[in-house]
Amino acid sequence: MSKVVILWFNFSLSTSYPGPVSSGFSLYTADLVDKDIGNQHSICNCGELRKRSINVTKRRNTYLDIKNIRTHDGNNSQFLKIEIFYELLEQTIKEHYNQTFDFEGRNMAVLVNENEQFDDLKILEAFKVRLGEFYQFDAPINMEEVSKEQENDTIPFINKEDDNIKKFINWVSLVCPSL
C-alpha cells in the first residue's frame, strides 16, 4: 500500500541591507485523506483570490532559517533570486521521490509507502547542499521548531485552476486507487 503526502512550502525574502541577508523556509506536510477537494470560492471581493480546501491528516511543519546568505565571493546578496530556491527544492523532492505531482506553484504531492512518512529532514539537508552551489549561508534546522503532528485538518489551495485539480485527482487515482 501507499499514501499521498501533500507538501506546501514557502520561502520568505529579506533584503535587510547593509546587514546580512536571510530567508526563512517553512515546509508543511500532511497525508491526503481523500480525493474530495472543495469547490473554489472567492476569499476577497476583488474576485482574483480564490481558495479550495483539501482534507488531510497528520500535518507536520518544519522550519529552516537560512542566515547570512552571501555570494561565493563573500559579498552580501542584496537581492536573492528566490525563484531559484523554489526550483532547487522541487528538483530535490523529485530526486528523492519518483512519483510526484507539481501543482505549478508552492504545492506538491508525493507518493510514499504506507508505513513511511515524508522525510522532511532528509529533503532539507539535500536542499541545503544544492543551494550551496549558488550561495554561501548558515542554515540550521531548529529541531525545537519542528511541530508535533496535528490530526485531521484541511489545508487551503489558493488559486488552483480546475484543470490542475482534475489532473491531480487523476494522478491520485492512478498512484493510490484506495483514496
Protein backbone atom coordinates (compact mmCIF):
# COMPACT_ATOMS: atom_id res chain seq x y z
CA MET A 1 0.00 0.00 0.00
CA SER A 2 0.97 3.59 -0.43
CA LYS A 3 -0.27 7.03 0.51
CA VAL A 4 -0.16 10.51 -0.95
CA VAL A 5 1.52 13.28 1.02
CA ILE A 6 0.66 16.89 0.28
CA LEU A 7 3.50 19.40 0.56
CA TRP A 8 3.21 23.14 0.71
CA PHE A 9 6.19 25.37 1.18
CA ASN A 10 7.21 28.98 1.35
CA PHE A 11 10.44 30.95 1.36
CA SER A 12 10.47 34.41 2.86
CA LEU A 13 12.71 37.01 1.34
CA SER A 14 14.69 39.51 3.32
CA THR A 15 16.80 42.20 1.75
CA SER A 16 17.98 43.76 5.00
CA TYR A 17 20.77 45.95 3.77
CA PRO A 18 23.58 46.66 4.66
CA GLY A 19 23.41 43.77 7.13
CA PRO A 20 23.41 40.07 6.32
CA VAL A 21 20.57 38.81 4.16
CA SER A 22 18.46 35.96 5.49
CA SER A 23 15.45 33.94 4.47
CA GLY A 24 13.07 31.68 6.30
CA PHE A 25 11.69 28.48 4.89
CA SER A 26 8.62 26.58 6.01
CA LEU A 27 7.71 23.11 4.78
CA TYR A 28 4.29 21.73 5.70
CA THR A 29 3.43 18.11 5.05
CA ALA A 30 0.21 16.16 5.57
CA ASP A 31 -1.27 12.85 4.45
CA LEU A 32 -4.12 13.10 1.97
CA VAL A 33 -7.36 11.72 3.40
CA ASP A 34 -9.41 11.53 0.20
CA LYS A 35 -9.75 12.99 -3.30
CA ASP A 36 -12.62 15.27 -2.31
CA ILE A 37 -11.43 18.78 -2.95
CA GLY A 38 -13.73 21.66 -2.12
CA ASN A 39 -15.10 23.93 -4.80
CA GLN A 40 -13.21 27.10 -5.48
CA HIS A 41 -14.68 30.18 -3.78
CA SER A 42 -13.60 33.79 -3.59
CA ILE A 43 -11.80 34.96 -0.45
CA CYS A 44 -11.95 38.67 -1.28
CA ASN A 45 -14.26 41.00 -3.16
CA CYS A 46 -11.59 41.53 -5.83
CA GLY A 47 -12.58 38.23 -7.45
CA GLU A 48 -8.98 37.24 -8.09
CA LEU A 49 -8.07 35.40 -4.90
CA ARG A 50 -9.80 32.05 -4.82
CA LYS A 51 -9.44 29.19 -2.38
CA ARG A 52 -10.22 25.48 -2.22
CA SER A 53 -9.71 23.13 0.68
CA ILE A 54 -8.45 19.57 0.82
CA ASN A 55 -8.79 17.04 3.66
CA VAL A 56 -5.55 15.90 5.28
CA THR A 57 -4.30 14.25 8.44
CA LYS A 58 -1.00 14.07 10.36
CA ARG A 59 0.04 17.60 9.47
CA ARG A 60 3.64 18.44 10.30
CA ASN A 61 5.54 21.73 10.00
CA THR A 62 9.31 22.09 9.64
CA TYR A 63 11.22 25.35 9.62
CA LEU A 64 14.67 26.25 8.35
CA ASP A 65 16.46 29.53 8.98
CA ILE A 66 18.77 30.45 6.10
CA LYS A 67 21.03 33.08 7.64
CA ASN A 68 23.87 35.24 6.43
CA ILE A 69 23.30 34.50 2.74
CA ARG A 70 26.14 35.70 0.55
CA THR A 71 27.60 35.03 -2.85
CA HIS A 72 30.60 32.71 -3.16
CA ASP A 73 32.91 35.72 -3.33
CA GLY A 74 31.72 36.61 0.19
CA ASN A 75 29.50 39.60 -0.62
CA ASN A 76 26.11 40.02 0.97
CA SER A 77 23.49 39.25 -1.60
CA GLN A 78 21.14 42.23 -1.66
CA PHE A 79 18.56 40.66 -3.91
CA LEU A 80 18.06 36.94 -3.67
CA LYS A 81 16.76 35.12 -6.68
CA ILE A 82 14.08 33.43 -4.60
CA GLU A 83 12.70 31.55 -7.63
CA ILE A 84 15.96 29.56 -7.58
CA PHE A 85 15.10 28.40 -4.07
CA TYR A 86 11.75 27.01 -5.25
CA GLU A 87 13.27 25.35 -8.32
CA LEU A 88 16.00 23.69 -6.27
CA LEU A 89 13.53 22.46 -3.67
CA GLU A 90 11.28 20.94 -6.33
CA GLN A 91 14.27 19.26 -8.00
CA THR A 92 15.41 17.89 -4.64
CA ILE A 93 11.98 16.45 -3.85
CA LYS A 94 11.70 14.86 -7.31
CA GLU A 95 15.17 13.36 -6.90
CA HIS A 96 14.14 11.55 -3.69
CA TYR A 97 10.54 10.69 -4.62
CA ASN A 98 9.92 9.40 -8.13
CA GLN A 99 6.12 9.71 -8.01
CA THR A 100 5.33 13.42 -7.64
CA PHE A 101 2.66 15.85 -8.72
CA ASP A 102 3.53 19.51 -9.13
CA PHE A 103 0.68 21.95 -8.62
CA GLU A 104 2.70 24.56 -10.53
CA GLY A 105 3.24 26.74 -7.56
CA ARG A 106 4.18 26.22 -4.00
CA ASN A 107 2.41 22.92 -3.53
CA MET A 108 3.36 19.38 -4.50
CA ALA A 109 2.18 15.87 -3.77
CA VAL A 110 4.37 12.79 -3.43
CA LEU A 111 3.66 9.10 -3.19
CA VAL A 112 5.25 7.27 -0.24
CA ASN A 113 4.89 3.80 1.23
CA GLU A 114 2.03 3.46 3.70
CA ASN A 115 4.31 2.74 6.67
CA GLU A 116 6.62 5.70 5.94
CA GLN A 117 6.48 9.45 6.40
CA PHE A 118 7.77 12.04 4.00
CA ASP A 119 11.34 12.58 5.21
CA ASP A 120 11.39 16.36 5.51
CA LEU A 121 14.75 16.46 7.29
CA LYS A 122 16.45 14.46 4.52
CA ILE A 123 14.93 16.79 1.92
CA LEU A 124 16.07 19.91 3.81
CA GLU A 125 19.64 18.62 4.11
CA ALA A 126 19.75 17.72 0.39
CA PHE A 127 18.24 21.11 -0.47
CA LYS A 128 20.94 22.89 1.53
CA VAL A 129 23.61 21.06 -0.49
CA ARG A 130 22.01 22.17 -3.77
CA LEU A 131 21.55 25.74 -2.59
CA GLY A 132 25.25 25.77 -1.68
CA GLU A 133 26.03 25.71 -5.40
CA PHE A 134 24.57 29.24 -5.64
CA TYR A 135 25.14 30.83 -2.23
CA GLN A 136 27.07 30.50 1.00
CA PHE A 137 24.90 30.58 4.12
CA ASP A 138 24.24 29.27 7.59
CA ALA A 139 21.08 27.17 7.74
CA PRO A 140 20.37 25.35 10.97
CA ILE A 141 17.26 23.26 11.36
CA ASN A 142 15.97 24.09 14.81
CA MET A 143 14.51 20.79 15.99
CA GLU A 144 12.58 22.61 18.71
CA GLU A 145 10.60 24.30 15.95
CA VAL A 146 9.55 21.06 14.29
CA SER A 147 5.86 20.96 15.09
CA LYS A 148 4.12 17.97 16.51
CA GLU A 149 1.63 16.29 14.26
CA GLN A 150 -1.91 17.58 14.14
CA GLU A 151 -4.56 15.02 13.36
CA ASN A 152 -7.42 15.83 10.98
CA ASP A 153 -7.26 19.15 9.22
CA THR A 154 -7.91 20.89 5.96
CA ILE A 155 -5.41 22.93 4.03
CA PRO A 156 -6.10 25.76 1.62
CA PHE A 157 -5.19 25.65 -2.06
CA ILE A 158 -5.08 29.23 -3.28
CA ASN A 159 -5.81 29.96 -6.97
CA LYS A 160 -5.55 26.39 -8.27
CA GLU A 161 -7.18 26.08 -11.69
CA ASP A 162 -9.89 23.48 -12.34
CA ASP A 163 -7.73 21.73 -14.96
CA ASN A 164 -4.86 21.36 -12.50
CA ILE A 165 -7.20 19.94 -9.83
CA LYS A 166 -8.64 17.44 -12.35
CA LYS A 167 -5.12 16.34 -13.30
CA PHE A 168 -4.28 15.91 -9.62
CA ILE A 169 -7.37 13.79 -8.97
CA ASN A 170 -6.48 11.60 -11.96
CA TRP A 171 -2.90 11.28 -10.72
CA VAL A 172 -4.08 10.25 -7.24
CA SER A 173 -6.47 7.71 -8.80
CA LEU A 174 -3.59 6.14 -10.70
CA VAL A 175 -0.92 6.07 -7.98
CA CYS A 176 -3.14 5.41 -4.98
CA PRO A 177 -6.50 3.93 -6.02
CA SER A 178 -7.52 3.34 -2.38
CA LEU A 179 -8.11 7.09 -1.86
